[in-house]
Amino acid sequence: MLLQPDMPYTEFRPDFRLQQFVECYWCVKSVTQPNGFRPVFPDACSDIIFNFSAPLLYEEGGAISHNTFQSFYVGIQTTPIFTKAGGATDLLGIRFKNQGAWRFLRRPLAEFSNRTASLKELDEGDLHNLTEQLAFLSVSERIKIIELRLLARLGNEPGWDVADQFFSSPSGSIQGFCRANNLSERTLERRSRERLGVSPKMYQRIVRFRRASGKLSGFDGSLMEFAWDMGYYDHAHLAKDFREFGHFLPSSLVH
């Protein structure tokens, strides 16, 4: 998700009919521009974001770029994003659970991983043209309209199948899961790239990193034992994922 940790941030629970697809709605509002770029780490989620304010700025390798989209989709990430608001901020986001975005957008998502794409580019429905309508409404009114659009699509989204069991709980052996469910590894690979944007193995790693990074803050025990508890082979395995997904070492979170 494209957020500044020090900004006023609020989450809202979705309608019960959408809770299997949508993790939450969120908003960020600030009248001042934050100082410095902040990292946003891979979290196995994807978001649709409506921007009612200044363009967001991204930094990569010393180069700064601008996101001028008023509504956009942020695909699943495998590396950190360094971002900040370009001025006063007014953002509203839809954070999707694993396959939620695919079920509403009805597009293969592999081409959008590690990308921020205009919502108009990938949505054939009526979500991308909401920004002007929502601009001068309260947050609750904005969410109500967005929910009506999402609810209107229920019943037309693709059906669930055995692969959903893996995406909902991506732990254990991929080979063992496929064998137990009479599913070929190639089929699971194809469905994972289509519905999530990454391979099953990569998805497992991102989910594990998110869980580990959330539990490690303030941890004061043995990193080796922590690594084992989180499903890593050893401390080196833990550190490798933290360097890749977070660009930092797990020891930096330990007090």
Protein backbone atom coordinates (compact mmCIF):
# COMPACT_ATOMS: atom_id res chain seq x y z
CA MET A 1 0.00 0.00 0.00
CA LEU A 2 1.24 3.48 -0.81
CA LEU A 3 1.18 5.17 2.57
CA GLN A 4 3.34 7.39 4.73
CA PRO A 5 3.61 5.84 8.22
CA ASP A 6 3.47 9.25 9.94
CA MET A 7 0.34 10.46 8.15
CA PRO A 8 -3.17 10.43 9.68
CA TYR A 9 -4.41 7.04 8.55
CA THR A 10 -7.79 5.40 9.15
CA GLU A 11 -9.16 1.99 8.14
CA PHE A 12 -12.83 1.10 7.55
CA ARG A 13 -14.35 -2.37 7.59
CA PRO A 14 -16.12 -3.43 4.37
CA ASP A 15 -19.71 -4.56 4.04
CA PHE A 16 -20.04 -8.18 5.22
CA ARG A 17 -20.87 -9.25 1.65
CA LEU A 18 -17.46 -8.02 0.49
CA GLN A 19 -15.30 -9.22 3.37
CA GLN A 20 -14.03 -12.33 1.56
CA PHE A 21 -12.57 -10.04 -1.13
CA VAL A 22 -11.78 -6.70 0.54
CA GLU A 23 -9.52 -6.42 3.58
CA CYS A 24 -10.44 -2.80 4.30
CA TYR A 25 -10.93 0.69 2.95
CA TRP A 26 -8.42 3.26 4.12
CA CYS A 27 -7.95 6.98 3.91
CA VAL A 28 -5.03 9.32 4.45
CA LYS A 29 -5.50 13.06 4.85
CA SER A 30 -2.87 15.67 5.61
CA VAL A 31 -2.67 19.40 4.96
CA THR A 32 1.14 19.41 4.95
CA GLN A 33 3.74 17.68 2.80
CA PRO A 34 5.78 15.00 4.65
CA ASN A 35 9.56 15.19 4.79
CA GLY A 36 11.56 12.55 2.96
CA PHE A 37 10.67 9.39 1.10
CA ARG A 38 9.46 6.41 3.12
CA PRO A 39 9.56 2.73 2.17
CA VAL A 40 6.38 0.74 1.63
CA PHE A 41 7.17 -2.95 1.99
CA PRO A 42 5.63 -5.94 0.15
CA ASP A 43 2.58 -7.14 2.08
CA ALA A 44 0.86 -9.62 -0.32
CA CYS A 45 -1.96 -7.13 -0.92
CA SER A 46 -2.98 -4.99 -3.88
CA ASP A 47 -4.86 -1.72 -3.78
CA ILE A 48 -7.05 0.57 -5.84
CA ILE A 49 -6.34 4.17 -4.84
CA PHE A 50 -8.26 7.37 -5.55
CA ASN A 51 -6.15 10.51 -5.28
CA PHE A 52 -8.03 13.76 -4.67
CA SER A 53 -4.92 15.85 -4.07
CA ALA A 54 -1.32 16.39 -5.20
CA PRO A 55 0.44 13.68 -7.23
CA LEU A 56 2.45 11.09 -5.30
CA LEU A 57 6.21 11.08 -5.75
CA TYR A 58 8.42 7.99 -6.10
CA GLU A 59 12.17 7.68 -5.66
CA GLU A 60 14.25 4.95 -7.30
CA GLY A 61 18.02 5.04 -7.61
CA GLY A 62 18.07 8.77 -6.97
CA ALA A 63 15.54 9.51 -9.72
CA ILE A 64 12.17 11.01 -8.78
CA SER A 65 8.99 10.32 -10.75
CA HIS A 66 5.41 11.56 -10.42
CA ASN A 67 2.21 9.54 -10.33
CA THR A 68 -0.36 11.79 -11.98
CA PHE A 69 -3.17 9.20 -12.09
CA GLN A 70 -6.34 10.22 -10.28
CA SER A 71 -7.33 6.58 -9.82
CA PHE A 72 -4.85 3.74 -10.05
CA TYR A 73 -4.13 0.13 -9.22
CA VAL A 74 -1.07 -0.90 -7.22
CA GLY A 75 -0.18 -4.50 -8.01
CA ILE A 76 1.43 -6.95 -5.63
CA GLN A 77 4.98 -5.86 -4.80
CA THR A 78 8.16 -7.94 -4.49
CA THR A 79 10.41 -4.97 -3.60
CA PRO A 80 9.90 -1.86 -1.46
CA ILE A 81 8.42 1.30 -2.95
CA PHE A 82 9.86 4.62 -1.79
CA THR A 83 7.18 7.29 -1.92
CA LYS A 84 5.84 10.49 -0.42
CA ALA A 85 2.99 12.88 -1.08
CA GLY A 86 3.76 15.85 -3.31
CA GLY A 87 1.80 18.24 -1.12
CA ALA A 88 -1.44 18.20 0.84
CA THR A 89 -2.81 14.66 0.77
CA ASP A 90 -6.30 13.21 0.32
CA LEU A 91 -6.24 9.51 -0.59
CA LEU A 92 -8.87 6.79 -0.40
CA GLY A 93 -7.89 3.18 -0.97
CA ILE A 94 -9.44 -0.26 -1.38
CA ARG A 95 -7.11 -2.95 -0.04
CA PHE A 96 -7.90 -6.33 -1.54
CA LYS A 97 -7.31 -9.72 -0.01
CA ASN A 98 -5.23 -12.15 -2.09
CA GLN A 99 -7.47 -12.71 -5.14
CA GLY A 100 -9.94 -9.91 -4.48
CA ALA A 101 -8.63 -7.53 -7.14
CA TRP A 102 -8.68 -10.23 -9.82
CA ARG A 103 -12.27 -11.14 -9.01
CA PHE A 104 -13.49 -7.58 -9.53
CA LEU A 105 -11.16 -6.36 -12.27
CA ARG A 106 -11.35 -9.63 -14.25
CA ARG A 107 -7.90 -9.16 -15.72
CA PRO A 108 -4.78 -11.34 -15.49
CA LEU A 109 -2.65 -9.51 -12.95
CA ALA A 110 0.89 -10.77 -13.68
CA GLU A 111 1.59 -7.80 -15.96
CA PHE A 112 0.70 -5.41 -13.12
CA SER A 113 2.98 -6.82 -10.40
CA ASN A 114 5.49 -4.19 -9.22
CA ARG A 115 3.52 -1.62 -11.20
CA THR A 116 1.25 1.31 -10.57
CA ALA A 117 -1.25 1.41 -13.44
CA SER A 118 -4.04 3.80 -14.29
CA LEU A 119 -7.35 2.25 -13.27
CA LYS A 120 -8.71 3.24 -16.65
CA GLU A 121 -6.09 0.96 -18.24
CA LEU A 122 -7.36 -2.21 -16.61
CA ASP A 123 -10.94 -1.69 -15.45
CA GLU A 124 -13.67 -2.28 -18.01
CA GLY A 125 -16.37 -1.23 -15.55
CA ASP A 126 -17.25 2.04 -13.89
CA LEU A 127 -14.73 2.34 -11.05
CA HIS A 128 -12.14 4.43 -12.90
CA ASN A 129 -14.53 7.34 -13.53
CA LEU A 130 -15.48 7.88 -9.88
CA THR A 131 -12.78 10.36 -8.84
CA GLU A 132 -14.60 13.55 -9.81
CA GLN A 133 -17.86 12.31 -8.34
CA LEU A 134 -16.19 11.46 -5.02
CA ALA A 135 -13.92 14.49 -4.75
CA PHE A 136 -16.08 16.76 -2.58
CA LEU A 137 -17.83 14.08 -0.52
CA SER A 138 -17.07 12.91 3.00
CA VAL A 139 -15.08 9.71 3.48
CA SER A 140 -18.19 7.75 4.52
CA GLU A 141 -20.08 8.96 1.43
CA ARG A 142 -17.15 8.00 -0.81
CA ILE A 143 -16.99 4.50 0.65
CA LYS A 144 -20.75 4.05 0.27
CA ILE A 145 -20.58 4.80 -3.46
CA ILE A 146 -17.54 2.56 -3.98
CA GLU A 147 -19.23 -0.29 -2.14
CA LEU A 148 -22.33 0.01 -4.32
CA ARG A 149 -20.12 -0.36 -7.40
CA LEU A 150 -18.35 -3.41 -5.96
CA LEU A 151 -21.58 -5.02 -4.75
CA ALA A 152 -23.07 -4.61 -8.21
CA ARG A 153 -20.35 -6.91 -9.53
CA LEU A 154 -21.00 -9.70 -7.04
CA GLY A 155 -22.32 -12.79 -8.72
CA ASN A 156 -20.43 -11.98 -11.91
CA GLU A 157 -16.97 -12.56 -10.46
CA PRO A 158 -15.19 -15.83 -11.35
CA GLY A 159 -16.08 -18.85 -9.21
CA TRP A 160 -13.92 -20.36 -6.49
CA ASP A 161 -11.91 -23.53 -7.04
CA VAL A 162 -9.37 -25.72 -5.27
CA ALA A 163 -6.52 -23.26 -5.91
CA ASP A 164 -8.25 -20.83 -3.56
CA GLN A 165 -7.40 -23.10 -0.65
CA PHE A 166 -3.72 -22.51 -1.30
CA PHE A 167 -4.05 -18.76 -1.84
CA SER A 168 -6.02 -18.39 1.41
CA SER A 169 -3.43 -20.32 3.44
CA PRO A 170 -0.16 -20.47 1.48
CA SER A 171 1.94 -22.57 3.81
CA GLY A 172 3.52 -26.00 3.48
CA SER A 173 4.75 -27.81 0.41
CA ILE A 174 3.42 -26.62 -2.94
CA GLN A 175 4.10 -30.06 -4.39
CA GLY A 176 2.28 -31.70 -1.47
CA PHE A 177 -0.73 -29.40 -1.83
CA CYS A 178 -1.02 -30.13 -5.54
CA ARG A 179 -0.69 -33.86 -5.03
CA ALA A 180 -3.30 -33.90 -2.24
CA ASN A 181 -5.77 -31.92 -4.35
CA ASN A 182 -5.16 -33.59 -7.72
CA LEU A 183 -3.90 -30.30 -9.15
CA SER A 184 -0.87 -29.98 -11.38
CA GLU A 185 1.89 -27.61 -10.26
CA ARG A 186 1.75 -25.96 -13.68
CA THR A 187 -1.95 -25.20 -13.21
CA LEU A 188 -1.36 -23.70 -9.77
CA GLU A 189 1.50 -21.63 -11.18
CA ARG A 190 -0.70 -20.29 -13.99
CA ARG A 191 -3.58 -19.45 -11.68
CA SER A 192 -1.29 -17.78 -9.16
CA ARG A 193 0.26 -15.49 -11.77
CA GLU A 194 -3.16 -14.69 -13.21
CA ARG A 195 -4.97 -14.07 -9.93
CA LEU A 196 -2.23 -12.71 -7.67
CA GLY A 197 0.44 -11.50 -10.08
CA VAL A 198 3.29 -13.68 -8.80
CA SER A 199 4.26 -17.36 -8.60
CA PRO A 200 2.99 -19.55 -5.71
CA LYS A 201 6.49 -19.70 -4.24
CA MET A 202 6.92 -15.92 -4.35
CA TYR A 203 3.50 -15.44 -2.77
CA GLN A 204 4.45 -17.80 0.06
CA ARG A 205 7.64 -15.85 0.67
CA ILE A 206 5.90 -12.44 0.74
CA VAL A 207 3.22 -13.71 3.15
CA ARG A 208 5.92 -15.16 5.41
CA PHE A 209 7.93 -11.91 5.29
CA ARG A 210 4.86 -9.87 6.19
CA ARG A 211 4.13 -12.13 9.15
CA ALA A 212 7.75 -12.19 10.32
CA SER A 213 8.34 -8.45 10.00
CA GLY A 214 5.16 -7.76 11.94
CA LYS A 215 6.20 -10.02 14.81
CA LEU A 216 9.88 -9.05 14.93
CA SER A 217 9.52 -5.42 15.99
CA GLY A 218 10.67 -5.21 19.59
CA PHE A 219 11.62 -8.90 19.70
CA ASP A 220 14.49 -9.58 22.13
CA GLY A 221 15.06 -13.33 21.81
CA SER A 222 17.17 -15.56 19.59
CA LEU A 223 16.90 -14.71 15.90
CA MET A 224 17.69 -18.32 15.04
CA GLU A 225 14.72 -19.57 17.07
CA PHE A 226 12.57 -16.79 15.64
CA ALA A 227 13.54 -17.84 12.10
CA TRP A 228 12.53 -21.44 12.80
CA ASP A 229 9.21 -20.34 14.33
CA MET A 230 8.44 -18.31 11.18
CA GLY A 231 9.20 -21.22 8.86
CA TYR A 232 12.71 -20.24 7.75
CA TYR A 233 15.52 -22.77 7.58
CA ASP A 234 17.89 -20.62 9.62
CA HIS A 235 18.91 -17.04 10.37
CA ALA A 236 20.63 -16.64 6.97
CA HIS A 237 17.41 -17.64 5.21
CA LEU A 238 15.47 -15.07 7.26
CA ALA A 239 18.04 -12.35 6.51
CA LYS A 240 17.96 -13.10 2.77
CA ASP A 241 14.21 -12.44 2.54
CA PHE A 242 14.46 -9.29 4.66
CA ARG A 243 17.20 -7.92 2.40
CA GLU A 244 15.20 -8.72 -0.74
CA PHE A 245 11.76 -7.56 0.39
CA GLY A 246 12.69 -4.87 2.89
CA HIS A 247 16.21 -3.73 2.01
CA PHE A 248 17.13 -4.09 5.70
CA LEU A 249 18.32 -6.80 8.09
CA PRO A 250 16.03 -8.38 10.71
CA SER A 251 18.49 -7.35 13.43
CA SER A 252 17.53 -3.70 12.79
CA LEU A 253 14.08 -4.38 14.30
CA VAL A 254 15.35 -6.14 17.41
CA HIS A 255 15.74 -4.19 20.65
